[in-house]
Amino acid sequence: METHEQGIDIEVVYALPQRQVLKRLRVGPQTTAEQAVELSGIRSLFPEIDHSVNKLGIFGKVVNRDTVLRDLDRVEIYRPLINDPKESRRRRAEKFRNTQKR
């Protein structure tokens, strides 16, 4: 089995509706999710990324910024939700019920 003493391979991704960026990196074995975002340079491409607003995840699961990465992890930078999905479903259901009453 190959050891990764020199580092681990990871990806950092960020997506907008019209543009997606994926950066592949080799980082140190104790690199955190937040450090990976900084090392990727994605924030220079998307200055709207704000550490106090954008959550981070690994393969669809939200993680703390200080989560230590493992080999082949994919760090995802999440955009804030514009609408609460539960509220949107509630409004659609209400609209549907109102159209059925006519």
C-alpha atoms as a PDB file:
ATOM      1  CA  MET A   1       0.000   0.000   0.000  1.00  0.00           C
ATOM      2  CA  GLU A   2       1.329   3.419  -0.963  1.00  0.00           C
ATOM      3  CA  THR A   3       1.894   5.923   1.829  1.00  0.00           C
ATOM      4  CA  HIS A   4       1.103   9.594   1.486  1.00  0.00           C
ATOM      5  CA  GLU A   5       3.743  11.023   3.769  1.00  0.00           C
ATOM      6  CA  GLN A   6       4.324  13.917   1.372  1.00  0.00           C
ATOM      7  CA  GLY A   7       0.653  14.846   1.367  1.00  0.00           C
ATOM      8  CA  ILE A   8      -2.874  13.899   0.477  1.00  0.00           C
ATOM      9  CA  ASP A   9      -4.836  14.515  -2.711  1.00  0.00           C
ATOM     10  CA  ILE A  10      -8.024  16.543  -2.326  1.00  0.00           C
ATOM     11  CA  GLU A  11     -10.437  18.651  -4.361  1.00  0.00           C
ATOM     12  CA  VAL A  12     -12.037  21.984  -3.524  1.00  0.00           C
ATOM     13  CA  VAL A  13     -15.212  22.909  -5.414  1.00  0.00           C
ATOM     14  CA  TYR A  14     -17.501  25.908  -5.683  1.00  0.00           C
ATOM     15  CA  ALA A  15     -20.476  26.262  -8.002  1.00  0.00           C
ATOM     16  CA  LEU A  16     -22.729  29.030  -9.183  1.00  0.00           C
ATOM     17  CA  PRO A  17     -25.630  28.396 -11.570  1.00  0.00           C
ATOM     18  CA  GLN A  18     -23.544  29.577 -14.521  1.00  0.00           C
ATOM     19  CA  ARG A  19     -20.018  28.591 -13.457  1.00  0.00           C
ATOM     20  CA  GLN A  20     -18.347  25.792 -11.505  1.00  0.00           C
ATOM     21  CA  VAL A  21     -14.724  25.489 -10.404  1.00  0.00           C
ATOM     22  CA  LEU A  22     -12.916  22.393  -9.180  1.00  0.00           C
ATOM     23  CA  LYS A  23      -9.332  22.626  -7.930  1.00  0.00           C
ATOM     24  CA  ARG A  24      -7.247  19.519  -7.311  1.00  0.00           C
ATOM     25  CA  LEU A  25      -4.510  19.908  -4.714  1.00  0.00           C
ATOM     26  CA  ARG A  26      -1.900  17.935  -2.844  1.00  0.00           C
ATOM     27  CA  VAL A  27      -1.815  19.206   0.733  1.00  0.00           C
ATOM     28  CA  GLY A  28      -0.219  18.278   4.027  1.00  0.00           C
ATOM     29  CA  PRO A  29      -1.754  15.414   5.990  1.00  0.00           C
ATOM     30  CA  GLN A  30      -3.081  17.713   8.761  1.00  0.00           C
ATOM     31  CA  THR A  31      -4.739  20.261   6.439  1.00  0.00           C
ATOM     32  CA  THR A  32      -8.173  21.475   7.530  1.00  0.00           C
ATOM     33  CA  ALA A  33     -11.152  22.191   5.289  1.00  0.00           C
ATOM     34  CA  GLU A  34     -10.682  25.939   5.757  1.00  0.00           C
ATOM     35  CA  GLN A  35      -6.979  25.762   4.962  1.00  0.00           C
ATOM     36  CA  ALA A  36      -7.754  23.813   1.798  1.00  0.00           C
ATOM     37  CA  VAL A  37     -10.109  26.555   0.615  1.00  0.00           C
ATOM     38  CA  GLU A  38      -7.383  29.142   1.144  1.00  0.00           C
ATOM     39  CA  LEU A  39      -4.729  27.013  -0.562  1.00  0.00           C
ATOM     40  CA  SER A  40      -6.999  26.408  -3.560  1.00  0.00           C
ATOM     41  CA  GLY A  41      -7.130  30.090  -4.519  1.00  0.00           C
ATOM     42  CA  ILE A  42     -10.874  29.844  -5.192  1.00  0.00           C
ATOM     43  CA  ARG A  43     -11.565  32.925  -3.075  1.00  0.00           C
ATOM     44  CA  SER A  44      -9.542  35.031  -5.525  1.00  0.00           C
ATOM     45  CA  LEU A  45     -11.904  33.866  -8.300  1.00  0.00           C
ATOM     46  CA  PHE A  46     -15.034  34.337  -6.179  1.00  0.00           C
ATOM     47  CA  PRO A  47     -14.512  37.228  -3.742  1.00  0.00           C
ATOM     48  CA  GLU A  48     -18.117  36.864  -2.559  1.00  0.00           C
ATOM     49  CA  ILE A  49     -17.125  33.725  -0.617  1.00  0.00           C
ATOM     50  CA  ASP A  50     -17.325  34.759   3.025  1.00  0.00           C
ATOM     51  CA  HIS A  51     -16.091  32.501   5.830  1.00  0.00           C
ATOM     52  CA  SER A  52     -18.816  33.822   8.116  1.00  0.00           C
ATOM     53  CA  VAL A  53     -21.595  32.950   5.634  1.00  0.00           C
ATOM     54  CA  ASN A  54     -20.536  30.066   3.401  1.00  0.00           C
ATOM     55  CA  LYS A  55     -20.571  26.646   5.013  1.00  0.00           C
ATOM     56  CA  LEU A  56     -18.154  23.896   4.035  1.00  0.00           C
ATOM     57  CA  GLY A  57     -18.884  20.251   3.401  1.00  0.00           C
ATOM     58  CA  ILE A  58     -17.211  17.033   2.373  1.00  0.00           C
ATOM     59  CA  PHE A  59     -19.160  14.961  -0.152  1.00  0.00           C
ATOM     60  CA  GLY A  60     -22.473  16.630   0.706  1.00  0.00           C
ATOM     61  CA  LYS A  61     -22.128  16.594   4.489  1.00  0.00           C
ATOM     62  CA  VAL A  62     -21.582  19.905   6.311  1.00  0.00           C
ATOM     63  CA  VAL A  63     -18.370  19.895   8.360  1.00  0.00           C
ATOM     64  CA  ASN A  64     -16.609  22.261  10.739  1.00  0.00           C
ATOM     65  CA  ARG A  65     -13.948  24.465   9.213  1.00  0.00           C
ATOM     66  CA  ASP A  66     -11.311  22.812  11.385  1.00  0.00           C
ATOM     67  CA  THR A  67     -12.122  19.294  10.133  1.00  0.00           C
ATOM     68  CA  VAL A  68      -8.876  17.570   9.157  1.00  0.00           C
ATOM     69  CA  LEU A  69      -9.056  16.232   5.619  1.00  0.00           C
ATOM     70  CA  ARG A  70      -8.358  12.704   4.456  1.00  0.00           C
ATOM     71  CA  ASP A  71      -6.946  11.517   1.178  1.00  0.00           C
ATOM     72  CA  LEU A  72      -9.364  12.005  -1.738  1.00  0.00           C
ATOM     73  CA  ASP A  73     -11.791  14.239   0.201  1.00  0.00           C
ATOM     74  CA  ARG A  74     -13.741  16.806  -1.810  1.00  0.00           C
ATOM     75  CA  VAL A  75     -14.284  20.078   0.072  1.00  0.00           C
ATOM     76  CA  GLU A  76     -17.449  21.825  -1.084  1.00  0.00           C
ATOM     77  CA  ILE A  77     -18.136  25.504  -0.487  1.00  0.00           C
ATOM     78  CA  TYR A  78     -21.876  26.021  -0.085  1.00  0.00           C
ATOM     79  CA  ARG A  79     -23.713  29.176  -1.092  1.00  0.00           C
ATOM     80  CA  PRO A  80     -26.338  30.543   1.309  1.00  0.00           C
ATOM     81  CA  LEU A  81     -29.888  29.472   0.497  1.00  0.00           C
ATOM     82  CA  ILE A  82     -32.016  32.153  -1.114  1.00  0.00           C
ATOM     83  CA  ASN A  83     -35.244  30.465  -0.045  1.00  0.00           C
ATOM     84  CA  ASP A  84     -35.886  27.968   2.706  1.00  0.00           C
ATOM     85  CA  PRO A  85     -36.813  24.719   0.876  1.00  0.00           C
ATOM     86  CA  LYS A  86     -39.431  23.819   3.492  1.00  0.00           C
ATOM     87  CA  GLU A  87     -41.084  27.213   3.142  1.00  0.00           C
ATOM     88  CA  SER A  88     -41.039  26.926  -0.663  1.00  0.00           C
ATOM     89  CA  ARG A  89     -42.740  23.504  -0.502  1.00  0.00           C
ATOM     90  CA  ARG A  90     -45.331  24.844   1.929  1.00  0.00           C
ATOM     91  CA  ARG A  91     -46.185  27.734  -0.436  1.00  0.00           C
ATOM     92  CA  ARG A  92     -46.467  25.380  -3.425  1.00  0.00           C
ATOM     93  CA  ALA A  93     -48.723  23.016  -1.486  1.00  0.00           C
ATOM     94  CA  GLU A  94     -50.911  25.914  -0.360  1.00  0.00           C
ATOM     95  CA  LYS A  95     -51.157  27.223  -3.923  1.00  0.00           C
ATOM     96  CA  PHE A  96     -52.081  23.736  -5.141  1.00  0.00           C
ATOM     97  CA  ARG A  97     -54.790  23.369  -2.463  1.00  0.00           C
ATOM     98  CA  ASN A  98     -56.241  26.759  -3.417  1.00  0.00           C
ATOM     99  CA  THR A  99     -56.445  25.789  -7.099  1.00  0.00           C
ATOM    100  CA  GLN A 100     -58.220  22.512  -6.174  1.00  0.00           C
ATOM    101  CA  LYS A 101     -60.964  24.379  -4.275  1.00  0.00           C
ATOM    102  CA  ARG A 102     -62.176  26.185  -7.394  1.00  0.00           C
END
